[in-house]
C-alpha atoms as a PDB file:
ATOM      1  CA  MET A   1      -9.544  -1.829 -10.000  1.00  0.00           C
ATOM      2  CA  CYS A   2      -9.100  -2.625  -6.410  1.00  0.00           C
ATOM      3  CA  VAL A   3      -6.148  -2.361  -4.269  1.00  0.00           C
ATOM      4  CA  ASN A   4      -3.589  -5.138  -3.508  1.00  0.00           C
ATOM      5  CA  TRP A   5      -3.745  -4.702   0.213  1.00  0.00           C
ATOM      6  CA  HIS A   6      -1.166  -7.865   0.586  1.00  0.00           C
ATOM      7  CA  ASN A   7       1.028  -5.761  -1.875  1.00  0.00           C
ATOM      8  CA  PRO A   8      -0.411  -2.528  -3.169  1.00  0.00           C
ATOM      9  CA  TYR A   9       2.833  -2.100  -5.419  1.00  0.00           C
ATOM     10  CA  GLU A  10       2.775  -5.474  -7.009  1.00  0.00           C
ATOM     11  CA  GLN A  11       2.401  -3.909 -10.374  1.00  0.00           C
ATOM     12  CA  ARG A  12       5.993  -2.837 -11.732  1.00  0.00           C
ATOM     13  CA  GLN A  13       5.171  -1.374 -14.893  1.00  0.00           C
ATOM     14  CA  GLY A  14       4.917   2.265 -15.565  1.00  0.00           C
ATOM     15  CA  GLU A  15       7.134   5.094 -14.281  1.00  0.00           C
ATOM     16  CA  TRP A  16       7.186   7.156 -11.202  1.00  0.00           C
ATOM     17  CA  LEU A  17       5.041  10.539 -11.527  1.00  0.00           C
ATOM     18  CA  ARG A  18       4.339  13.372  -9.079  1.00  0.00           C
ATOM     19  CA  GLY A  19       1.152  15.232  -8.572  1.00  0.00           C
ATOM     20  CA  ASN A  20      -1.185  16.949  -5.987  1.00  0.00           C
ATOM     21  CA  LEU A  21      -4.724  16.169  -5.657  1.00  0.00           C
ATOM     22  CA  HIS A  22      -5.771  19.231  -3.423  1.00  0.00           C
ATOM     23  CA  ALA A  23      -5.678  22.582  -5.121  1.00  0.00           C
ATOM     24  CA  HIS A  24      -7.727  25.351  -5.410  1.00  0.00           C
ATOM     25  CA  ALA A  25      -7.861  28.532  -7.793  1.00  0.00           C
ATOM     26  CA  THR A  26      -9.954  31.761  -8.838  1.00  0.00           C
ATOM     27  CA  PRO A  27     -12.666  32.242  -9.527  1.00  0.00           C
ATOM     28  CA  PHE A  28     -13.998  28.996  -8.640  1.00  0.00           C
ATOM     29  CA  SER A  29     -13.213  28.471  -5.112  1.00  0.00           C
ATOM     30  CA  PRO A  30     -13.829  31.817  -3.085  1.00  0.00           C
ATOM     31  CA  CYS A  31     -11.106  31.199  -0.476  1.00  0.00           C
ATOM     32  CA  ALA A  32      -8.345  31.009  -3.405  1.00  0.00           C
ATOM     33  CA  GLU A  33      -6.128  33.882  -3.939  1.00  0.00           C
ATOM     34  CA  VAL A  34      -4.402  32.860  -7.487  1.00  0.00           C
ATOM     35  CA  SER A  35      -5.623  32.382 -11.103  1.00  0.00           C
ATOM     36  CA  VAL A  36      -6.051  29.035 -12.698  1.00  0.00           C
ATOM     37  CA  ALA A  37      -3.046  29.751 -14.960  1.00  0.00           C
ATOM     38  CA  ASP A  38      -0.496  31.161 -12.463  1.00  0.00           C
ATOM     39  CA  LEU A  39      -1.205  27.995 -10.083  1.00  0.00           C
ATOM     40  CA  CYS A  40      -0.384  25.684 -13.160  1.00  0.00           C
ATOM     41  CA  ALA A  41       2.658  27.496 -14.103  1.00  0.00           C
ATOM     42  CA  ALA A  42       3.531  27.212 -10.215  1.00  0.00           C
ATOM     43  CA  TYR A  43       3.251  23.094 -10.301  1.00  0.00           C
ATOM     44  CA  GLU A  44       4.989  22.871 -13.741  1.00  0.00           C
ATOM     45  CA  ALA A  45       7.964  24.859 -12.131  1.00  0.00           C
ATOM     46  CA  CYS A  46       7.823  22.345  -8.986  1.00  0.00           C
ATOM     47  CA  GLY A  47       8.524  19.565 -11.592  1.00  0.00           C
ATOM     48  CA  LEU A  48       4.829  17.983 -10.957  1.00  0.00           C
ATOM     49  CA  ASP A  49       3.668  15.611 -13.658  1.00  0.00           C
ATOM     50  CA  PHE A  50      -0.074  15.743 -12.801  1.00  0.00           C
ATOM     51  CA  LEU A  51      -2.785  17.791 -10.902  1.00  0.00           C
ATOM     52  CA  CYS A  52      -5.934  18.338  -9.832  1.00  0.00           C
ATOM     53  CA  LEU A  53      -7.880  21.467  -9.132  1.00  0.00           C
ATOM     54  CA  SER A  54     -10.093  20.425  -6.701  1.00  0.00           C
ATOM     55  CA  GLU A  55     -12.554  23.616  -6.296  1.00  0.00           C
ATOM     56  CA  HIS A  56     -15.175  23.715  -3.947  1.00  0.00           C
ATOM     57  CA  MET A  57     -18.422  22.074  -5.061  1.00  0.00           C
ATOM     58  CA  MET A  58     -17.398  22.870  -9.088  1.00  0.00           C
ATOM     59  CA  PRO A  59     -15.674  19.895 -11.294  1.00  0.00           C
ATOM     60  CA  SER A  60     -12.785  21.367 -12.893  1.00  0.00           C
ATOM     61  CA  SER A  61     -10.556  19.784 -15.567  1.00  0.00           C
ATOM     62  CA  PRO A  62      -8.503  22.641 -17.195  1.00  0.00           C
ATOM     63  CA  GLU A  63      -6.117  21.785 -19.879  1.00  0.00           C
ATOM     64  CA  TRP A  64      -2.290  22.629 -19.290  1.00  0.00           C
ATOM     65  CA  ASP A  65       0.593  21.626 -21.522  1.00  0.00           C
ATOM     66  CA  GLY A  66       3.009  19.584 -19.638  1.00  0.00           C
ATOM     67  CA  ILE A  67       0.802  18.254 -17.004  1.00  0.00           C
ATOM     68  CA  THR A  68      -1.773  15.827 -16.793  1.00  0.00           C
ATOM     69  CA  MET A  69      -4.958  17.496 -15.221  1.00  0.00           C
ATOM     70  CA  LEU A  70      -6.993  15.021 -13.048  1.00  0.00           C
ATOM     71  CA  PRO A  71     -10.982  16.005 -13.186  1.00  0.00           C
ATOM     72  CA  GLY A  72     -12.318  16.565  -9.696  1.00  0.00           C
ATOM     73  CA  LEU A  73     -13.655  18.382  -6.714  1.00  0.00           C
ATOM     74  CA  GLU A  74     -13.893  19.348  -3.106  1.00  0.00           C
ATOM     75  CA  TRP A  75     -17.471  18.167  -2.055  1.00  0.00           C
ATOM     76  CA  ASN A  76     -18.765  19.400   1.157  1.00  0.00           C
ATOM     77  CA  SER A  77     -22.274  18.601   2.730  1.00  0.00           C
ATOM     78  CA  ARG A  78     -24.954  20.697   3.106  1.00  0.00           C
ATOM     79  CA  SER A  79     -28.610  20.774   4.045  1.00  0.00           C
ATOM     80  CA  ARG A  80     -31.294  20.223   1.469  1.00  0.00           C
ATOM     81  CA  TYR A  81     -32.379  23.921   1.665  1.00  0.00           C
ATOM     82  CA  MET A  82     -28.756  25.047   0.275  1.00  0.00           C
ATOM     83  CA  SER A  83     -28.105  25.364  -3.521  1.00  0.00           C
ATOM     84  CA  ASN A  84     -25.477  22.281  -4.759  1.00  0.00           C
ATOM     85  CA  ARG A  85     -22.750  24.737  -5.118  1.00  0.00           C
ATOM     86  CA  ALA A  86     -23.301  26.268  -1.090  1.00  0.00           C
ATOM     87  CA  LEU A  87     -19.894  25.835   0.758  1.00  0.00           C
ATOM     88  CA  THR A  88     -19.779  24.464   4.336  1.00  0.00           C
ATOM     89  CA  TYR A  89     -17.455  23.348   6.501  1.00  0.00           C
ATOM     90  CA  HIS A  90     -18.622  20.132   7.261  1.00  0.00           C
ATOM     91  CA  HIS A  91     -16.618  16.792   5.829  1.00  0.00           C
ATOM     92  CA  HIS A  92     -14.812  17.861   2.855  1.00  0.00           C
ATOM     93  CA  MET A  93     -13.978  15.141   0.449  1.00  0.00           C
ATOM     94  CA  GLY A  94     -12.050  14.756  -2.399  1.00  0.00           C
ATOM     95  CA  VAL A  95     -13.716  13.417  -5.193  1.00  0.00           C
ATOM     96  CA  TYR A  96     -11.819  12.288  -8.502  1.00  0.00           C
ATOM     97  CA  SER A  97     -13.240  10.511 -11.495  1.00  0.00           C
ATOM     98  CA  PRO A  98     -12.268  10.736 -15.558  1.00  0.00           C
ATOM     99  CA  ASP A  99     -15.959  10.530 -16.024  1.00  0.00           C
ATOM    100  CA  SER A 100     -18.042  13.700 -15.879  1.00  0.00           C
ATOM    101  CA  GLU A 101     -21.216  12.248 -15.132  1.00  0.00           C
ATOM    102  CA  VAL A 102     -19.776  10.955 -11.685  1.00  0.00           C
ATOM    103  CA  LEU A 103     -18.681  14.164 -10.678  1.00  0.00           C
ATOM    104  CA  ASP A 104     -22.213  15.698 -11.791  1.00  0.00           C
ATOM    105  CA  THR A 105     -23.497  13.134  -9.442  1.00  0.00           C
ATOM    106  CA  ALA A 106     -21.542  14.093  -6.666  1.00  0.00           C
ATOM    107  CA  MET A 107     -22.563  17.910  -7.037  1.00  0.00           C
ATOM    108  CA  GLN A 108     -26.378  16.613  -6.168  1.00  0.00           C
ATOM    109  CA  CYS A 109     -25.202  14.707  -2.910  1.00  0.00           C
ATOM    110  CA  ARG A 110     -26.043  16.274   0.295  1.00  0.00           C
ATOM    111  CA  SER A 111     -24.412  14.053   3.079  1.00  0.00           C
ATOM    112  CA  PRO A 112     -21.461  11.963   3.141  1.00  0.00           C
ATOM    113  CA  GLU A 113     -23.587   8.662   2.953  1.00  0.00           C
ATOM    114  CA  HIS A 114     -25.589   9.507   0.001  1.00  0.00           C
ATOM    115  CA  LEU A 115     -22.301  10.494  -1.834  1.00  0.00           C
ATOM    116  CA  CYS A 116     -20.441   7.550  -0.828  1.00  0.00           C
ATOM    117  CA  ALA A 117     -23.943   5.500  -1.701  1.00  0.00           C
ATOM    118  CA  ARG A 118     -24.277   6.915  -5.222  1.00  0.00           C
ATOM    119  CA  THR A 119     -20.668   6.749  -6.372  1.00  0.00           C
ATOM    120  CA  LYS A 120     -19.825   3.613  -4.614  1.00  0.00           C
ATOM    121  CA  THR A 121     -20.008   1.622  -7.980  1.00  0.00           C
ATOM    122  CA  GLU A 122     -18.916   4.312 -10.139  1.00  0.00           C
ATOM    123  CA  ARG A 123     -15.418   5.170 -11.271  1.00  0.00           C
ATOM    124  CA  ALA A 124     -14.789   7.416  -8.365  1.00  0.00           C
ATOM    125  CA  PHE A 125     -11.746   7.878  -6.029  1.00  0.00           C
ATOM    126  CA  LEU A 126     -12.964   9.025  -2.733  1.00  0.00           C
ATOM    127  CA  VAL A 127     -10.876  10.937  -0.186  1.00  0.00           C
ATOM    128  CA  ALA A 128     -11.411  12.665   3.358  1.00  0.00           C
ATOM    129  CA  ASN A 129     -10.045  15.691   3.218  1.00  0.00           C
ATOM    130  CA  HIS A 130      -8.009  17.198   6.123  1.00  0.00           C
ATOM    131  CA  PRO A 131      -9.330  15.175   8.831  1.00  0.00           C
ATOM    132  CA  ASN A 132      -7.775  17.433  11.600  1.00  0.00           C
ATOM    133  CA  TRP A 133      -8.961  20.873  10.376  1.00  0.00           C
ATOM    134  CA  LEU A 134     -10.485  22.092  13.729  1.00  0.00           C
ATOM    135  CA  LEU A 135     -11.875  25.311  13.538  1.00  0.00           C
ATOM    136  CA  PRO A 136     -14.309  24.282  13.196  1.00  0.00           C
ATOM    137  CA  GLU A 137     -13.895  20.316  13.192  1.00  0.00           C
ATOM    138  CA  HIS A 138     -14.620  19.095   9.814  1.00  0.00           C
ATOM    139  CA  TYR A 139     -14.681  15.249  10.984  1.00  0.00           C
ATOM    140  CA  ASP A 140     -15.501  13.950  14.259  1.00  0.00           C
ATOM    141  CA  GLU A 141     -14.284  10.177  15.152  1.00  0.00           C
ATOM    142  CA  TYR A 142     -17.537   8.487  15.091  1.00  0.00           C
ATOM    143  CA  THR A 143     -18.152   9.950  11.171  1.00  0.00           C
ATOM    144  CA  LEU A 144     -14.958   9.172   9.885  1.00  0.00           C
ATOM    145  CA  GLN A 145     -15.497   5.568  11.538  1.00  0.00           C
ATOM    146  CA  ARG A 146     -18.541   5.582   9.931  1.00  0.00           C
ATOM    147  CA  LEU A 147     -17.340   6.338   6.586  1.00  0.00           C
ATOM    148  CA  ALA A 148     -14.196   4.277   6.400  1.00  0.00           C
ATOM    149  CA  SER A 149     -15.463   1.286   4.623  1.00  0.00           C
ATOM    150  CA  ASP A 150     -16.967   3.441   1.679  1.00  0.00           C
ATOM    151  CA  LEU A 151     -13.451   5.385   1.208  1.00  0.00           C
ATOM    152  CA  ASP A 152     -10.714   4.958  -0.988  1.00  0.00           C
ATOM    153  CA  GLY A 153      -8.594   7.101   1.042  1.00  0.00           C
ATOM    154  CA  LEU A 154      -7.574   9.479   3.918  1.00  0.00           C
ATOM    155  CA  GLU A 155      -5.646  12.618   3.658  1.00  0.00           C
ATOM    156  CA  ILE A 156      -2.879  11.881   6.141  1.00  0.00           C
ATOM    157  CA  TYR A 157      -0.871  14.655   5.407  1.00  0.00           C
ATOM    158  CA  ASN A 158      -2.255  18.501   4.558  1.00  0.00           C
ATOM    159  CA  ALA A 159       0.251  21.060   3.798  1.00  0.00           C
ATOM    160  CA  LEU A 160      -1.758  23.953   4.587  1.00  0.00           C
ATOM    161  CA  LEU A 161      -2.189  23.145   8.324  1.00  0.00           C
ATOM    162  CA  GLU A 162       1.450  23.335   9.045  1.00  0.00           C
ATOM    163  CA  TRP A 163       0.311  26.955   9.783  1.00  0.00           C
ATOM    164  CA  ASP A 164      -3.657  26.923   9.549  1.00  0.00           C
ATOM    165  CA  GLU A 165      -6.236  25.535  12.128  1.00  0.00           C
ATOM    166  CA  GLY A 166      -5.398  22.343  12.915  1.00  0.00           C
ATOM    167  CA  GLU A 167      -2.696  19.591  12.441  1.00  0.00           C
ATOM    168  CA  ALA A 168      -1.237  18.734   9.269  1.00  0.00           C
ATOM    169  CA  ASP A 169      -0.170  14.950  10.473  1.00  0.00           C
ATOM    170  CA  ALA A 170      -3.112  12.600  10.778  1.00  0.00           C
ATOM    171  CA  THR A 171      -1.316   9.366  10.407  1.00  0.00           C
ATOM    172  CA  GLY A 172      -2.539   8.832  14.110  1.00  0.00           C
ATOM    173  CA  ARG A 173      -6.351   8.720  12.639  1.00  0.00           C
ATOM    174  CA  TRP A 174      -5.234   6.670   9.926  1.00  0.00           C
ATOM    175  CA  ASP A 175      -3.691   4.001  12.099  1.00  0.00           C
ATOM    176  CA  ARG A 176      -6.538   4.283  14.232  1.00  0.00           C
ATOM    177  CA  LEU A 177      -8.943   3.183  11.456  1.00  0.00           C
ATOM    178  CA  LEU A 178      -6.783   0.587   9.818  1.00  0.00           C
ATOM    179  CA  SER A 179      -6.725  -0.956  13.087  1.00  0.00           C
ATOM    180  CA  GLN A 180     -10.410  -0.928  13.413  1.00  0.00           C
ATOM    181  CA  GLY A 181     -10.791  -3.033  10.120  1.00  0.00           C
ATOM    182  CA  ALA A 182     -10.935  -0.239   7.754  1.00  0.00           C
ATOM    183  CA  ARG A 183      -8.938  -0.413   4.151  1.00  0.00           C
ATOM    184  CA  LEU A 184      -7.902   2.769   3.636  1.00  0.00           C
ATOM    185  CA  LEU A 185      -4.852   4.529   1.314  1.00  0.00           C
ATOM    186  CA  GLY A 186      -3.041   7.305   2.653  1.00  0.00           C
ATOM    187  CA  VAL A 187      -2.743  10.657   0.406  1.00  0.00           C
ATOM    188  CA  ALA A 188      -0.465  13.756   0.950  1.00  0.00           C
ATOM    189  CA  GLY A 189      -1.649  17.183  -0.741  1.00  0.00           C
ATOM    190  CA  ASP A 190      -0.862  20.772  -0.544  1.00  0.00           C
ATOM    191  CA  ASP A 191      -4.419  22.439  -0.373  1.00  0.00           C
ATOM    192  CA  SER A 192      -2.522  25.432  -2.160  1.00  0.00           C
ATOM    193  CA  HIS A 193      -4.515  28.607  -2.474  1.00  0.00           C
ATOM    194  CA  THR A 194      -1.638  30.556  -3.555  1.00  0.00           C
ATOM    195  CA  ALA A 195       1.299  29.747  -5.998  1.00  0.00           C
ATOM    196  CA  GLN A 196       3.607  30.080  -3.118  1.00  0.00           C
ATOM    197  CA  GLU A 197       1.931  27.013  -1.376  1.00  0.00           C
ATOM    198  CA  ALA A 198       2.458  24.911  -4.174  1.00  0.00           C
ATOM    199  CA  GLY A 199       4.842  21.913  -4.029  1.00  0.00           C
ATOM    200  CA  LYS A 200       5.015  21.235  -0.366  1.00  0.00           C
ATOM    201  CA  ALA A 201       3.168  17.675  -0.164  1.00  0.00           C
ATOM    202  CA  TRP A 202       2.248  15.243  -3.097  1.00  0.00           C
ATOM    203  CA  ILE A 203       1.900  11.815  -4.124  1.00  0.00           C
ATOM    204  CA  THR A 204       4.286   9.933  -6.221  1.00  0.00           C
ATOM    205  CA  ALA A 205       1.922   7.114  -8.335  1.00  0.00           C
ATOM    206  CA  ARG A 206       3.463   4.418 -11.002  1.00  0.00           C
ATOM    207  CA  VAL A 207       1.579   5.133 -13.722  1.00  0.00           C
ATOM    208  CA  ASP A 208       1.726   3.068 -16.896  1.00  0.00           C
ATOM    209  CA  GLY A 209       0.713   4.881 -19.892  1.00  0.00           C
ATOM    210  CA  GLN A 210      -0.028   8.719 -20.775  1.00  0.00           C
ATOM    211  CA  GLY A 211      -3.136  10.568 -19.916  1.00  0.00           C
ATOM    212  CA  VAL A 212      -5.894  10.761 -16.984  1.00  0.00           C
ATOM    213  CA  GLU A 213      -7.176   6.921 -17.507  1.00  0.00           C
ATOM    214  CA  PRO A 214      -3.671   5.191 -16.578  1.00  0.00           C
ATOM    215  CA  LEU A 215      -3.223   7.710 -13.458  1.00  0.00           C
ATOM    216  CA  PHE A 216      -6.893   6.927 -12.002  1.00  0.00           C
ATOM    217  CA  GLN A 217      -6.311   3.174 -12.155  1.00  0.00           C
ATOM    218  CA  ALA A 218      -3.150   3.756 -10.241  1.00  0.00           C
ATOM    219  CA  LEU A 219      -4.792   5.724  -7.797  1.00  0.00           C
ATOM    220  CA  LYS A 220      -7.571   3.213  -7.468  1.00  0.00           C
ATOM    221  CA  SER A 221      -4.923   0.583  -6.848  1.00  0.00           C
ATOM    222  CA  GLY A 222      -3.279   2.259  -4.392  1.00  0.00           C
ATOM    223  CA  ASN A 223       0.153   2.204  -6.500  1.00  0.00           C
ATOM    224  CA  PHE A 224       1.479   5.280  -4.785  1.00  0.00           C
ATOM    225  CA  TYR A 225       3.368   6.868  -1.738  1.00  0.00           C
ATOM    226  CA  CYS A 226       3.148   9.961  -0.131  1.00  0.00           C
ATOM    227  CA  SER A 227       5.938  12.953   0.474  1.00  0.00           C
ATOM    228  CA  THR A 228       6.953  16.113   1.467  1.00  0.00           C
ATOM    229  CA  GLY A 229      10.574  15.697  -0.177  1.00  0.00           C
ATOM    230  CA  VAL A 230      11.575  12.236  -0.102  1.00  0.00           C
ATOM    231  CA  THR A 231      12.224  10.068  -2.893  1.00  0.00           C
ATOM    232  CA  LEU A 232      11.969   6.425  -2.932  1.00  0.00           C
ATOM    233  CA  MET A 233      14.029   4.027  -5.140  1.00  0.00           C
ATOM    234  CA  ASP A 234      11.911   1.068  -4.989  1.00  0.00           C
ATOM    235  CA  ILE A 235       9.132  -0.219  -2.322  1.00  0.00           C
ATOM    236  CA  GLY A 236       7.244  -3.645  -2.521  1.00  0.00           C
ATOM    237  CA  ARG A 237       7.010  -7.309  -1.091  1.00  0.00           C
ATOM    238  CA  GLU A 238       8.493 -10.783  -1.876  1.00  0.00           C
ATOM    239  CA  GLY A 239       6.795 -13.146   0.173  1.00  0.00           C
ATOM    240  CA  ASP A 240       6.730 -12.220   3.551  1.00  0.00           C
ATOM    241  CA  GLU A 241       9.296  -9.441   3.410  1.00  0.00           C
ATOM    242  CA  MET A 242       8.229  -6.047   2.456  1.00  0.00           C
ATOM    243  CA  TYR A 243      11.163  -3.758   1.344  1.00  0.00           C
ATOM    244  CA  ILE A 244      11.890  -0.351   0.438  1.00  0.00           C
ATOM    245  CA  SER A 245      14.729   2.163  -0.972  1.00  0.00           C
ATOM    246  CA  VAL A 246      15.730   5.564  -0.661  1.00  0.00           C
ATOM    247  CA  ASN A 247      17.569   7.923  -2.300  1.00  0.00           C
ATOM    248  CA  GLU A 248      19.485   8.868   0.540  1.00  0.00           C
ATOM    249  CA  GLY A 249      20.077   8.074   4.133  1.00  0.00           C
ATOM    250  CA  ALA A 250      17.067   8.277   6.434  1.00  0.00           C
ATOM    251  CA  ARG A 251      15.675   7.099   9.349  1.00  0.00           C
ATOM    252  CA  ILE A 252      12.830   4.055   8.077  1.00  0.00           C
ATOM    253  CA  ARG A 253      10.489   3.236  10.716  1.00  0.00           C
ATOM    254  CA  VAL A 254       8.163   0.335  10.289  1.00  0.00           C
ATOM    255  CA  ILE A 255       4.563   1.222  12.095  1.00  0.00           C
ATOM    256  CA  GLY A 256       1.950  -1.250  12.608  1.00  0.00           C
ATOM    257  CA  TRP A 257      -1.475  -1.876  14.402  1.00  0.00           C
ATOM    258  CA  ALA A 258      -2.395   1.145  16.399  1.00  0.00           C
ATOM    259  CA  GLY A 259       0.494   3.276  15.402  1.00  0.00           C
ATOM    260  CA  LYS A 260       3.188   1.068  17.086  1.00  0.00           C
ATOM    261  CA  LEU A 261       6.613   1.455  16.195  1.00  0.00           C
ATOM    262  CA  LEU A 262       7.636  -2.120  14.837  1.00  0.00           C
ATOM    263  CA  HIS A 263      11.243  -1.704  13.777  1.00  0.00           C
ATOM    264  CA  GLU A 264      13.419   1.437  12.858  1.00  0.00           C
ATOM    265  CA  HIS A 265      16.656   1.644  11.067  1.00  0.00           C
ATOM    266  CA  ILE A 266      18.920   4.524   9.799  1.00  0.00           C
ATOM    267  CA  GLY A 267      20.004   3.960   6.192  1.00  0.00           C
ATOM    268  CA  HIS A 268      19.019   3.706   2.397  1.00  0.00           C
ATOM    269  CA  GLU A 269      17.011   0.884   2.385  1.00  0.00           C
ATOM    270  CA  LEU A 270      14.977  -1.726   4.557  1.00  0.00           C
ATOM    271  CA  ARG A 271      13.729  -5.312   4.474  1.00  0.00           C
ATOM    272  CA  PHE A 272      11.095  -6.018   7.194  1.00  0.00           C
ATOM    273  CA  SER A 273       9.717  -9.667   7.718  1.00  0.00           C
ATOM    274  CA  LEU A 274       6.036  -9.978   8.379  1.00  0.00           C
ATOM    275  CA  ASN A 275       6.479 -13.311  10.138  1.00  0.00           C
ATOM    276  CA  GLY A 276       7.937 -12.719  13.191  1.00  0.00           C
ATOM    277  CA  GLN A 277      11.694 -12.566  12.303  1.00  0.00           C
ATOM    278  CA  HIS A 278      12.475  -8.998  13.588  1.00  0.00           C
ATOM    279  CA  GLY A 279      10.878 -10.176  16.812  1.00  0.00           C
ATOM    280  CA  ASP A 280       7.482 -11.553  18.214  1.00  0.00           C
ATOM    281  CA  ILE A 281       4.563  -9.763  16.334  1.00  0.00           C
ATOM    282  CA  PRO A 282       1.184 -10.608  17.978  1.00  0.00           C
ATOM    283  CA  PRO A 283      -1.775 -11.565  15.769  1.00  0.00           C
ATOM    284  CA  GLU A 284      -3.520  -8.389  16.330  1.00  0.00           C
ATOM    285  CA  GLN A 285      -0.579  -6.883  14.054  1.00  0.00           C
ATOM    286  CA  GLU A 286      -2.451  -7.062  10.476  1.00  0.00           C
ATOM    287  CA  TYR A 287      -0.505  -4.493   8.741  1.00  0.00           C
ATOM    288  CA  ALA A 288       2.368  -2.371   8.345  1.00  0.00           C
ATOM    289  CA  ARG A 289       3.681   0.678   6.772  1.00  0.00           C
ATOM    290  CA  PHE A 290       6.912   2.673   6.234  1.00  0.00           C
ATOM    291  CA  HIS A 291       7.491   5.774   7.272  1.00  0.00           C
ATOM    292  CA  VAL A 292      10.818   7.593   6.370  1.00  0.00           C
ATOM    293  CA  THR A 293      12.442  10.853   7.415  1.00  0.00           C
ATOM    294  CA  ASN A 294      15.461  12.438   6.100  1.00  0.00           C
ATOM    295  CA  ARG A 295      18.152  14.625   7.827  1.00  0.00           C
ATOM    296  CA  ASN A 296      15.936  17.730   6.722  1.00  0.00           C
ATOM    297  CA  TRP A 297      12.722  16.557   8.169  1.00  0.00           C
ATOM    298  CA  GLU A 298      11.185  15.765   4.890  1.00  0.00           C
ATOM    299  CA  GLN A 299       9.008  12.572   4.955  1.00  0.00           C
ATOM    300  CA  ALA A 300       7.276   9.956   2.794  1.00  0.00           C
ATOM    301  CA  TRP A 301       4.539   7.350   3.711  1.00  0.00           C
ATOM    302  CA  SER A 302       3.720   4.268   2.251  1.00  0.00           C
ATOM    303  CA  GLN A 303       0.331   2.526   1.813  1.00  0.00           C
ATOM    304  CA  PRO A 304      -0.019  -0.409   4.348  1.00  0.00           C
ATOM    305  CA  PHE A 305       0.948  -4.048   3.603  1.00  0.00           C
ATOM    306  CA  PHE A 306      -1.693  -6.430   5.410  1.00  0.00           C
ATOM    307  CA  ARG A 307       0.322  -9.198   6.973  1.00  0.00           C
ATOM    308  CA  PHE A 308      -2.576 -11.899   5.384  1.00  0.00           C
ATOM    309  CA  PRO A 309      -4.394 -11.375   2.242  1.00  0.00           C
ATOM    310  CA  VAL A 310      -7.809  -9.496   3.002  1.00  0.00           C
ATOM    311  CA  GLY A 311     -10.128 -12.277   4.446  1.00  0.00           C
ATOM    312  CA  GLN A 312      -7.627 -15.013   5.110  1.00  0.00           C
ATOM    313  CA  ALA A 313      -7.362 -15.763   8.646  1.00  0.00           C
ATOM    314  CA  ALA A 314      -3.741 -15.850  10.497  1.00  0.00           C
END
């Protein structure tokens, strides 16, 4: 399943489901302060429909009634002298797959390049986590550029970094990578380690069916958006127009190449033409994405719409 970068929301069958791909619990993640049962209960109370307990270097897929549990782990690079479960601060990646063999393979990989190479043809969804974690720095700019073509997504918002060492919002890095030709989905997550940290950021995916497999297909196809509290009623593309509608009045911004603001509107909905109807859009403006902020400063981010189909020149 590939992303339709011309319109990642083309598939309109299914229902919108909310979930979090980045969470930790004891005893598998030593940094966590909450049990699996208590954390799952917290997410159920938040009304989430799916969850991944992305334990550090430990595949996890516990069962919980009422929530679809996506198998996955948080991988990190390590030297060849370290054990498969050794934890480091380098190159944390979310690795998600309905196939346990893919997660077992990921556990054996030591470098991000090795991980991408081993899972590239597999049923894996790879996300570079908290690229703006600063102490110590998890990703330098060169490493992200080198890996971007082999990743599915970038964690563009990490709620934990609202009060931890770094910056929660990584959309600046996302725009730089997109402007350099990368095709990267945006992902938001809690990175929760306590029950109180649940429900701060999530993704909302359009899932056609029940269970892990339809959810995984929705992620791989990019049919989801990120949020910290904003709900989208509709989003998509018709011809050269990308459109969005929100459940409340909000500031709707269209962001393009290199993070440039292309258009801004206050209201419940917006249609934006990629053919220059809203002004002269230079040829380098290959993509545009929506960014929504409501009166409570809660946000939502769409996936990018590329002006032309991948491989088609302007």
